[in-house]
Amino acid sequence: MPKINLIELERTININFVNKENLILSLTHKSHNSKINNERLEFIGDRVLGLIISSELLKTYPNQKVGYLDKMFASMVNKRTLLNIGKKIGLEKFIIGGNTTKKNIEDKIISDTCEALIGAIFLDFGYIKAKKFILNYWEQYFKLNITYQVDSKTKLQEYSLKKYKVLPIYKLISNSGPRHKPIFKIAVRLKNTKFVYATGSSKKNAESKSAETLLKVIGVE
């Protein structure tokens, strides 16, 4: 097994593991060992994270509707957030994988390892310690979510389904510009509106902008 500096990691997260084997296992990717790896710890870490984040959201936002909380929850437990936390900890330096040079470690491996680390903390110390770890590293996301906004496409879709029982209609008008810097022009309309147009550097971006424009046209905030 390659040498890893467990002490450095423990100092970073301010946790001194009793069961070092669980810590090592949480850092072991299946590319290093197909049978003994962090997949089971990732499984339990995902559940522990979900339980703690959802319960804290209920306490933090007692007057918010469940639909709003559900979107906030999804944004806080997704792979991108886990990746950001993993990189903040510096997990890429400690991951034990088939490539021990630590170069070009996939983002998914880092985010999965972050979940496995939560699982290891939970098994070693229980719910309270896992909760303390999660709230420490996720604190900024709770604060960011105070001003959380549903994205324009989702908002337009929800409005259209509620009012007309059908989805908005998006149409690709053009795709121009060089391959490395494309410009997409997208149109969108609802059942009883005209098309509005917007451009963006990707189809997704252009759709979002066109949805935002149409929301303004129809007076939906």
C-alpha atoms as a PDB file:
ATOM      1  CA  MET A   1       0.000   0.000   0.000  1.00  0.00           C
ATOM      2  CA  PRO A   2       1.374   3.476  -0.871  1.00  0.00           C
ATOM      3  CA  LYS A   3       2.362   5.697   2.038  1.00  0.00           C
ATOM      4  CA  ILE A   4      -0.131   8.382   2.963  1.00  0.00           C
ATOM      5  CA  ASN A   5       0.120  11.004   5.668  1.00  0.00           C
ATOM      6  CA  LEU A   6      -2.850  10.197   7.871  1.00  0.00           C
ATOM      7  CA  ILE A   7      -1.679  12.628  10.546  1.00  0.00           C
ATOM      8  CA  GLU A   8      -1.855  15.537   8.094  1.00  0.00           C
ATOM      9  CA  LEU A   9      -5.390  14.601   7.089  1.00  0.00           C
ATOM     10  CA  GLU A  10      -6.500  14.166  10.705  1.00  0.00           C
ATOM     11  CA  ARG A  11      -5.084  17.565  11.589  1.00  0.00           C
ATOM     12  CA  THR A  12      -6.861  19.142   8.630  1.00  0.00           C
ATOM     13  CA  ILE A  13     -10.279  17.802   9.625  1.00  0.00           C
ATOM     14  CA  ASN A  14      -9.495  18.013  13.375  1.00  0.00           C
ATOM     15  CA  ILE A  15     -10.409  14.368  13.982  1.00  0.00           C
ATOM     16  CA  ASN A  16      -8.063  11.763  15.453  1.00  0.00           C
ATOM     17  CA  PHE A  17      -9.389   8.381  14.352  1.00  0.00           C
ATOM     18  CA  VAL A  18      -9.461   5.478  16.771  1.00  0.00           C
ATOM     19  CA  ASN A  19      -9.865   2.972  13.943  1.00  0.00           C
ATOM     20  CA  LYS A  20      -7.172   3.954  11.449  1.00  0.00           C
ATOM     21  CA  GLU A  21      -8.195   1.078   9.211  1.00  0.00           C
ATOM     22  CA  ASN A  22     -11.560   2.696   8.564  1.00  0.00           C
ATOM     23  CA  LEU A  23      -9.837   5.955   7.682  1.00  0.00           C
ATOM     24  CA  ILE A  24      -7.499   4.171   5.271  1.00  0.00           C
ATOM     25  CA  LEU A  25     -10.429   2.247   3.806  1.00  0.00           C
ATOM     26  CA  SER A  26     -12.360   5.485   3.216  1.00  0.00           C
ATOM     27  CA  LEU A  27      -9.453   6.708   1.071  1.00  0.00           C
ATOM     28  CA  THR A  28      -9.056   3.490  -0.924  1.00  0.00           C
ATOM     29  CA  HIS A  29     -10.560   3.587  -4.418  1.00  0.00           C
ATOM     30  CA  LYS A  30     -11.610   0.421  -6.222  1.00  0.00           C
ATOM     31  CA  SER A  31      -8.905   1.002  -8.836  1.00  0.00           C
ATOM     32  CA  HIS A  32      -6.403   0.096  -6.104  1.00  0.00           C
ATOM     33  CA  ASN A  33      -8.349  -2.851  -4.705  1.00  0.00           C
ATOM     34  CA  SER A  34     -11.485  -4.137  -6.420  1.00  0.00           C
ATOM     35  CA  LYS A  35     -12.642  -6.038  -3.316  1.00  0.00           C
ATOM     36  CA  ILE A  36     -11.466  -3.957  -0.357  1.00  0.00           C
ATOM     37  CA  ASN A  37     -12.292  -0.310  -1.054  1.00  0.00           C
ATOM     38  CA  ASN A  38     -14.399   2.646   0.082  1.00  0.00           C
ATOM     39  CA  GLU A  39     -17.659   1.837  -1.723  1.00  0.00           C
ATOM     40  CA  ARG A  40     -19.463   0.550   1.396  1.00  0.00           C
ATOM     41  CA  LEU A  41     -18.307   3.554   3.430  1.00  0.00           C
ATOM     42  CA  GLU A  42     -19.466   5.826   0.596  1.00  0.00           C
ATOM     43  CA  PHE A  43     -22.872   4.122   0.765  1.00  0.00           C
ATOM     44  CA  ILE A  44     -23.345   4.837   4.466  1.00  0.00           C
ATOM     45  CA  GLY A  45     -21.739   8.291   4.225  1.00  0.00           C
ATOM     46  CA  ASP A  46     -24.296   9.307   1.613  1.00  0.00           C
ATOM     47  CA  ARG A  47     -27.155   8.338   3.962  1.00  0.00           C
ATOM     48  CA  VAL A  48     -25.625  10.056   6.991  1.00  0.00           C
ATOM     49  CA  LEU A  49     -25.043  13.241   4.992  1.00  0.00           C
ATOM     50  CA  GLY A  50     -28.627  13.208   3.706  1.00  0.00           C
ATOM     51  CA  LEU A  51     -30.103  12.705   7.171  1.00  0.00           C
ATOM     52  CA  ILE A  52     -28.059  15.491   8.766  1.00  0.00           C
ATOM     53  CA  ILE A  53     -28.530  18.039   5.975  1.00  0.00           C
ATOM     54  CA  SER A  54     -32.281  17.422   5.727  1.00  0.00           C
ATOM     55  CA  SER A  55     -32.831  17.650   9.489  1.00  0.00           C
ATOM     56  CA  GLU A  56     -30.768  20.852   9.725  1.00  0.00           C
ATOM     57  CA  LEU A  57     -32.665  22.416   6.815  1.00  0.00           C
ATOM     58  CA  LEU A  58     -35.933  21.804   8.645  1.00  0.00           C
ATOM     59  CA  LYS A  59     -34.566  23.522  11.748  1.00  0.00           C
ATOM     60  CA  THR A  60     -32.918  26.386   9.843  1.00  0.00           C
ATOM     61  CA  TYR A  61     -35.932  27.162   7.642  1.00  0.00           C
ATOM     62  CA  PRO A  62     -39.029  26.225   9.698  1.00  0.00           C
ATOM     63  CA  ASN A  63     -41.394  28.278   7.529  1.00  0.00           C
ATOM     64  CA  GLN A  64     -40.236  27.155   4.092  1.00  0.00           C
ATOM     65  CA  LYS A  65     -42.286  24.839   1.894  1.00  0.00           C
ATOM     66  CA  VAL A  66     -41.063  21.295   1.336  1.00  0.00           C
ATOM     67  CA  GLY A  67     -40.546  21.882  -2.397  1.00  0.00           C
ATOM     68  CA  TYR A  68     -38.178  24.745  -1.632  1.00  0.00           C
ATOM     69  CA  LEU A  69     -36.312  22.668   0.967  1.00  0.00           C
ATOM     70  CA  ASP A  70     -36.045  19.775  -1.472  1.00  0.00           C
ATOM     71  CA  LYS A  71     -34.248  21.947  -4.027  1.00  0.00           C
ATOM     72  CA  MET A  72     -31.943  23.322  -1.340  1.00  0.00           C
ATOM     73  CA  PHE A  73     -31.201  19.793  -0.145  1.00  0.00           C
ATOM     74  CA  ALA A  74     -30.354  18.623  -3.673  1.00  0.00           C
ATOM     75  CA  SER A  75     -27.928  21.514  -4.142  1.00  0.00           C
ATOM     76  CA  MET A  76     -26.150  20.713  -0.863  1.00  0.00           C
ATOM     77  CA  VAL A  77     -25.624  16.963  -1.280  1.00  0.00           C
ATOM     78  CA  ASN A  78     -24.836  16.791  -4.992  1.00  0.00           C
ATOM     79  CA  LYS A  79     -21.477  15.686  -6.386  1.00  0.00           C
ATOM     80  CA  ARG A  80     -20.359  19.247  -7.132  1.00  0.00           C
ATOM     81  CA  THR A  81     -20.735  20.323  -3.496  1.00  0.00           C
ATOM     82  CA  LEU A  82     -19.012  17.149  -2.299  1.00  0.00           C
ATOM     83  CA  LEU A  83     -16.192  17.852  -4.746  1.00  0.00           C
ATOM     84  CA  ASN A  84     -15.796  21.384  -3.398  1.00  0.00           C
ATOM     85  CA  ILE A  85     -15.648  20.079   0.175  1.00  0.00           C
ATOM     86  CA  GLY A  86     -13.223  17.336  -0.830  1.00  0.00           C
ATOM     87  CA  LYS A  87     -10.888  19.828  -2.486  1.00  0.00           C
ATOM     88  CA  LYS A  88     -11.123  22.161   0.505  1.00  0.00           C
ATOM     89  CA  ILE A  89      -9.909  19.299   2.681  1.00  0.00           C
ATOM     90  CA  GLY A  90      -7.304  18.364   0.077  1.00  0.00           C
ATOM     91  CA  LEU A  91      -8.528  14.785  -0.265  1.00  0.00           C
ATOM     92  CA  GLU A  92      -6.844  14.321  -3.621  1.00  0.00           C
ATOM     93  CA  LYS A  93      -3.490  14.160  -1.772  1.00  0.00           C
ATOM     94  CA  PHE A  94      -4.609  11.181   0.297  1.00  0.00           C
ATOM     95  CA  ILE A  95      -6.629   9.030  -2.095  1.00  0.00           C
ATOM     96  CA  ILE A  96      -5.233   5.531  -2.619  1.00  0.00           C
ATOM     97  CA  GLY A  97      -5.910   4.575  -6.214  1.00  0.00           C
ATOM     98  CA  GLY A  98      -4.483   2.635  -9.092  1.00  0.00           C
ATOM     99  CA  ASN A  99      -2.512   5.751 -10.049  1.00  0.00           C
ATOM    100  CA  THR A 100      -0.523   6.673  -6.945  1.00  0.00           C
ATOM    101  CA  THR A 101       0.988   9.835  -8.448  1.00  0.00           C
ATOM    102  CA  LYS A 102      -2.103  11.827  -7.371  1.00  0.00           C
ATOM    103  CA  LYS A 103      -2.194  13.570 -10.752  1.00  0.00           C
ATOM    104  CA  ASN A 104      -5.418  14.065 -12.664  1.00  0.00           C
ATOM    105  CA  ILE A 105      -7.646  12.360 -10.098  1.00  0.00           C
ATOM    106  CA  GLU A 106     -11.214  12.387 -11.417  1.00  0.00           C
ATOM    107  CA  ASP A 107     -13.645  14.763  -9.738  1.00  0.00           C
ATOM    108  CA  LYS A 108     -16.073  11.887  -9.097  1.00  0.00           C
ATOM    109  CA  ILE A 109     -13.428   9.987  -7.141  1.00  0.00           C
ATOM    110  CA  ILE A 110     -12.847  13.008  -4.891  1.00  0.00           C
ATOM    111  CA  SER A 111     -16.571  13.535  -4.244  1.00  0.00           C
ATOM    112  CA  ASP A 112     -17.125   9.811  -3.588  1.00  0.00           C
ATOM    113  CA  THR A 113     -14.179   9.762  -1.184  1.00  0.00           C
ATOM    114  CA  CYS A 114     -15.676  12.701   0.691  1.00  0.00           C
ATOM    115  CA  GLU A 115     -18.833  10.643   1.283  1.00  0.00           C
ATOM    116  CA  ALA A 116     -16.729   7.648   2.332  1.00  0.00           C
ATOM    117  CA  LEU A 117     -14.864   9.834   4.838  1.00  0.00           C
ATOM    118  CA  ILE A 118     -18.201  10.836   6.384  1.00  0.00           C
ATOM    119  CA  GLY A 119     -19.070   7.150   6.612  1.00  0.00           C
ATOM    120  CA  ALA A 120     -15.779   6.400   8.377  1.00  0.00           C
ATOM    121  CA  ILE A 121     -16.329   9.236  10.864  1.00  0.00           C
ATOM    122  CA  PHE A 122     -19.834   7.959  11.590  1.00  0.00           C
ATOM    123  CA  LEU A 123     -18.675   4.366  12.176  1.00  0.00           C
ATOM    124  CA  ASP A 124     -15.762   5.466  14.364  1.00  0.00           C
ATOM    125  CA  PHE A 125     -17.497   8.136  16.456  1.00  0.00           C
ATOM    126  CA  GLY A 126     -21.245   8.047  15.789  1.00  0.00           C
ATOM    127  CA  TYR A 127     -23.872  10.579  14.777  1.00  0.00           C
ATOM    128  CA  ILE A 128     -22.780  13.583  16.881  1.00  0.00           C
ATOM    129  CA  LYS A 129     -19.214  13.674  15.543  1.00  0.00           C
ATOM    130  CA  ALA A 130     -20.384  13.145  11.966  1.00  0.00           C
ATOM    131  CA  LYS A 131     -22.876  15.975  12.405  1.00  0.00           C
ATOM    132  CA  LYS A 132     -20.181  18.306  13.754  1.00  0.00           C
ATOM    133  CA  PHE A 133     -17.928  17.528  10.785  1.00  0.00           C
ATOM    134  CA  ILE A 134     -20.702  18.083   8.239  1.00  0.00           C
ATOM    135  CA  LEU A 135     -22.000  21.318   9.753  1.00  0.00           C
ATOM    136  CA  ASN A 136     -18.460  22.661   9.918  1.00  0.00           C
ATOM    137  CA  TYR A 137     -17.746  22.093   6.229  1.00  0.00           C
ATOM    138  CA  TRP A 138     -21.280  22.753   4.952  1.00  0.00           C
ATOM    139  CA  GLU A 139     -21.874  25.915   7.006  1.00  0.00           C
ATOM    140  CA  GLN A 140     -21.257  28.246   4.060  1.00  0.00           C
ATOM    141  CA  TYR A 141     -23.855  26.398   1.970  1.00  0.00           C
ATOM    142  CA  PHE A 142     -26.548  26.945   4.589  1.00  0.00           C
ATOM    143  CA  LYS A 143     -25.727  30.652   4.516  1.00  0.00           C
ATOM    144  CA  LEU A 144     -25.733  30.768   0.727  1.00  0.00           C
ATOM    145  CA  ASN A 145     -29.117  29.099   0.678  1.00  0.00           C
ATOM    146  CA  ILE A 146     -30.676  31.927   2.668  1.00  0.00           C
ATOM    147  CA  THR A 147     -30.885  33.726  -0.681  1.00  0.00           C
ATOM    148  CA  TYR A 148     -31.436  30.529  -2.647  1.00  0.00           C
ATOM    149  CA  GLN A 149     -33.270  31.044  -5.907  1.00  0.00           C
ATOM    150  CA  VAL A 150     -34.915  28.485  -8.162  1.00  0.00           C
ATOM    151  CA  ASP A 151     -33.251  28.635 -11.583  1.00  0.00           C
ATOM    152  CA  SER A 152     -35.198  30.305 -14.400  1.00  0.00           C
ATOM    153  CA  LYS A 153     -35.836  27.139 -16.410  1.00  0.00           C
ATOM    154  CA  THR A 154     -37.288  25.347 -13.394  1.00  0.00           C
ATOM    155  CA  LYS A 155     -39.401  28.355 -12.450  1.00  0.00           C
ATOM    156  CA  LEU A 156     -40.798  28.687 -15.977  1.00  0.00           C
ATOM    157  CA  GLN A 157     -41.482  24.967 -16.159  1.00  0.00           C
ATOM    158  CA  GLU A 158     -43.348  24.966 -12.841  1.00  0.00           C
ATOM    159  CA  TYR A 159     -45.401  27.999 -13.907  1.00  0.00           C
ATOM    160  CA  SER A 160     -46.285  26.444 -17.284  1.00  0.00           C
ATOM    161  CA  LEU A 161     -47.289  23.095 -15.779  1.00  0.00           C
ATOM    162  CA  LYS A 162     -49.415  24.750 -13.125  1.00  0.00           C
ATOM    163  CA  LYS A 163     -51.172  27.147 -15.513  1.00  0.00           C
ATOM    164  CA  TYR A 164     -51.351  25.197 -18.777  1.00  0.00           C
ATOM    165  CA  LYS A 165     -50.538  21.576 -17.821  1.00  0.00           C
ATOM    166  CA  VAL A 166     -47.835  21.484 -20.520  1.00  0.00           C
ATOM    167  CA  LEU A 167     -44.105  22.158 -20.639  1.00  0.00           C
ATOM    168  CA  PRO A 168     -42.562  25.311 -22.171  1.00  0.00           C
ATOM    169  CA  ILE A 169     -41.555  24.967 -25.810  1.00  0.00           C
ATOM    170  CA  TYR A 170     -37.864  25.520 -26.556  1.00  0.00           C
ATOM    171  CA  LYS A 171     -36.522  25.861 -30.081  1.00  0.00           C
ATOM    172  CA  LEU A 172     -32.912  26.007 -31.300  1.00  0.00           C
ATOM    173  CA  ILE A 173     -32.733  28.910 -33.763  1.00  0.00           C
ATOM    174  CA  SER A 174     -29.042  28.833 -34.620  1.00  0.00           C
ATOM    175  CA  ASN A 175     -25.622  27.575 -33.603  1.00  0.00           C
ATOM    176  CA  SER A 176     -22.891  29.867 -34.864  1.00  0.00           C
ATOM    177  CA  GLY A 177     -19.347  30.926 -34.070  1.00  0.00           C
ATOM    178  CA  PRO A 178     -16.130  28.862 -33.951  1.00  0.00           C
ATOM    179  CA  ARG A 179     -16.132  25.448 -32.319  1.00  0.00           C
ATOM    180  CA  HIS A 180     -14.134  26.652 -29.315  1.00  0.00           C
ATOM    181  CA  LYS A 181     -16.464  29.602 -28.751  1.00  0.00           C
ATOM    182  CA  PRO A 182     -19.968  28.755 -30.032  1.00  0.00           C
ATOM    183  CA  ILE A 183     -23.008  31.003 -29.831  1.00  0.00           C
ATOM    184  CA  PHE A 184     -26.402  29.347 -29.386  1.00  0.00           C
ATOM    185  CA  LYS A 185     -29.647  31.185 -30.079  1.00  0.00           C
ATOM    186  CA  ILE A 186     -32.692  29.711 -28.352  1.00  0.00           C
ATOM    187  CA  ALA A 187     -36.370  30.645 -28.467  1.00  0.00           C
ATOM    188  CA  VAL A 188     -38.954  29.735 -25.860  1.00  0.00           C
ATOM    189  CA  ARG A 189     -42.690  30.268 -25.506  1.00  0.00           C
ATOM    190  CA  LEU A 190     -45.618  29.099 -23.419  1.00  0.00           C
ATOM    191  CA  LYS A 191     -48.995  27.933 -24.658  1.00  0.00           C
ATOM    192  CA  ASN A 192     -50.387  31.446 -25.169  1.00  0.00           C
ATOM    193  CA  THR A 193     -47.233  33.568 -25.626  1.00  0.00           C
ATOM    194  CA  LYS A 194     -45.003  34.497 -28.505  1.00  0.00           C
ATOM    195  CA  PHE A 195     -41.434  33.243 -28.729  1.00  0.00           C
ATOM    196  CA  VAL A 196     -38.741  35.227 -26.949  1.00  0.00           C
ATOM    197  CA  TYR A 197     -35.062  34.823 -27.825  1.00  0.00           C
ATOM    198  CA  ALA A 198     -31.729  34.729 -26.064  1.00  0.00           C
ATOM    199  CA  THR A 199     -28.148  33.725 -26.849  1.00  0.00           C
ATOM    200  CA  GLY A 200     -25.542  31.943 -24.773  1.00  0.00           C
ATOM    201  CA  SER A 201     -22.220  30.131 -24.917  1.00  0.00           C
ATOM    202  CA  SER A 202     -24.015  26.780 -24.531  1.00  0.00           C
ATOM    203  CA  LYS A 203     -27.469  25.478 -25.295  1.00  0.00           C
ATOM    204  CA  LYS A 204     -28.194  25.177 -21.578  1.00  0.00           C
ATOM    205  CA  ASN A 205     -27.041  28.729 -20.926  1.00  0.00           C
ATOM    206  CA  ALA A 206     -29.130  30.111 -23.797  1.00  0.00           C
ATOM    207  CA  GLU A 207     -32.204  28.215 -22.604  1.00  0.00           C
ATOM    208  CA  SER A 208     -31.754  29.622 -19.110  1.00  0.00           C
ATOM    209  CA  LYS A 209     -31.460  33.169 -20.434  1.00  0.00           C
ATOM    210  CA  SER A 210     -34.479  32.792 -22.688  1.00  0.00           C
ATOM    211  CA  ALA A 211     -36.520  31.418 -19.776  1.00  0.00           C
ATOM    212  CA  GLU A 212     -35.433  34.365 -17.630  1.00  0.00           C
ATOM    213  CA  THR A 213     -36.486  36.793 -20.379  1.00  0.00           C
ATOM    214  CA  LEU A 214     -39.897  35.168 -20.789  1.00  0.00           C
ATOM    215  CA  LEU A 215     -40.489  35.221 -17.031  1.00  0.00           C
ATOM    216  CA  LYS A 216     -39.951  38.992 -17.109  1.00  0.00           C
ATOM    217  CA  VAL A 217     -42.280  39.371 -20.098  1.00  0.00           C
ATOM    218  CA  ILE A 218     -45.136  37.539 -18.364  1.00  0.00           C
ATOM    219  CA  GLY A 219     -44.430  39.245 -15.031  1.00  0.00           C
ATOM    220  CA  VAL A 220     -43.432  36.215 -12.970  1.00  0.00           C
ATOM    221  CA  GLU A 221     -40.839  36.894 -10.279  1.00  0.00           C
END
